C-alpha cells in the first residue's frame, strides 16, 4: 500500500512532468513560428530547450513509477 506522503510525491512528480510536457509543446509551436519568420537560429535554440524538457519529463515520469513500485519513498523529516 502506498502511503499518503508517497502518493503526494508521485502526484507532484507527475504534475511537474506534465508542466514540462506542455511547456515543450508551446516551445515547439513558437519555434515553428520563428522558423517560418526566417529565424532558424532562434528556432533551433527553442527546439533544444524543448527536447531537454522532454528528457527531464521522461525522468520525472520514471521517478513517479519508482514511487508507485515502492522503490522510492518519502520519509518524515
Protein backbone atom coordinates (compact mmCIF):
# COMPACT_ATOMS: atom_id res chain seq x y z
CA UNK A 1 0.00 0.00 0.00
CA UNK A 2 1.25 3.45 -0.89
CA UNK A 3 1.39 5.96 1.95
CA UNK A 4 -0.17 9.40 1.65
CA UNK A 5 3.25 11.15 1.51
CA UNK A 6 4.32 8.80 -1.29
CA UNK A 7 1.06 9.38 -3.15
CA UNK A 8 1.68 13.12 -2.88
CA UNK A 9 5.27 12.69 -4.08
CA UNK A 10 4.11 10.67 -7.08
CA UNK A 11 1.43 13.22 -7.90
CA UNK A 12 3.92 16.08 -7.62
CA UNK A 13 6.39 14.31 -9.93
CA UNK A 14 3.68 13.61 -12.49
CA UNK A 15 2.41 17.21 -12.28
CA UNK A 16 5.92 18.56 -12.84
CA UNK A 17 6.34 16.21 -15.81
CA UNK A 18 3.04 17.43 -17.29
CA UNK A 19 4.08 21.07 -16.95
CA UNK A 20 7.34 20.31 -18.76
CA UNK A 21 5.47 18.43 -21.48
CA UNK A 22 3.09 21.29 -22.24
CA UNK A 23 5.85 23.87 -21.97
CA UNK A 24 7.80 21.86 -24.53
CA UNK A 25 4.79 21.76 -26.83
CA UNK A 26 4.49 25.55 -26.54
CA UNK A 27 8.20 25.97 -27.28
CA UNK A 28 7.90 23.82 -30.41
CA UNK A 29 4.96 25.96 -31.54
CA UNK A 30 6.99 29.13 -31.08
CA UNK A 31 9.98 27.50 -32.79
CA UNK A 32 7.84 26.78 -35.86
CA UNK A 33 6.76 30.42 -35.94
CA UNK A 34 10.36 31.59 -35.69
CA UNK A 35 11.35 29.20 -38.45
CA UNK A 36 8.53 30.49 -40.67
CA UNK A 37 9.77 34.03 -39.96
CA UNK A 38 13.28 33.07 -41.06
CA UNK A 39 14.90 32.89 -37.63
CA UNK A 40 16.47 29.45 -37.90
CA UNK A 41 18.95 30.04 -35.07
CA UNK A 42 16.21 31.10 -32.66
CA UNK A 43 14.04 28.17 -33.71
CA UNK A 44 16.89 25.73 -33.16
CA UNK A 45 17.57 27.11 -29.69
CA UNK A 46 13.92 26.72 -28.68
CA UNK A 47 13.86 23.18 -30.04
CA UNK A 48 16.95 22.29 -28.00
CA UNK A 49 15.23 23.58 -24.86
CA UNK A 50 12.03 21.69 -25.70
CA UNK A 51 14.00 18.46 -26.18
CA UNK A 52 15.73 18.99 -22.84
CA UNK A 53 12.29 19.44 -21.23
CA UNK A 54 11.19 16.15 -22.80
CA UNK A 55 14.20 14.30 -21.38
CA UNK A 56 13.54 15.66 -17.90
CA UNK A 57 9.82 14.89 -18.25
CA UNK A 58 10.69 11.26 -19.03
CA UNK A 59 12.95 11.07 -15.97
CA UNK A 60 10.25 12.51 -13.70
CA UNK A 61 7.71 10.02 -15.03
CA UNK A 62 10.22 7.25 -14.31
CA UNK A 63 10.70 8.51 -10.76
CA UNK A 64 6.92 8.59 -10.31
CA UNK A 65 6.76 4.94 -11.37
CA UNK A 66 9.54 4.10 -8.89
CA UNK A 67 7.46 5.72 -6.14
CA UNK A 68 4.44 3.68 -7.24
CA UNK A 69 6.51 0.48 -7.16
CA UNK A 70 7.85 1.32 -3.69
CA UNK A 71 11.48 1.70 -4.79
CA UNK A 72 11.44 5.42 -3.84
CA UNK A 73 9.72 6.60 -0.68
CA UNK A 74 9.19 9.82 1.19
CA UNK A 75 10.10 9.77 4.86
CA UNK A 76 9.29 12.18 7.65
CA UNK A 77 11.91 14.79 8.45
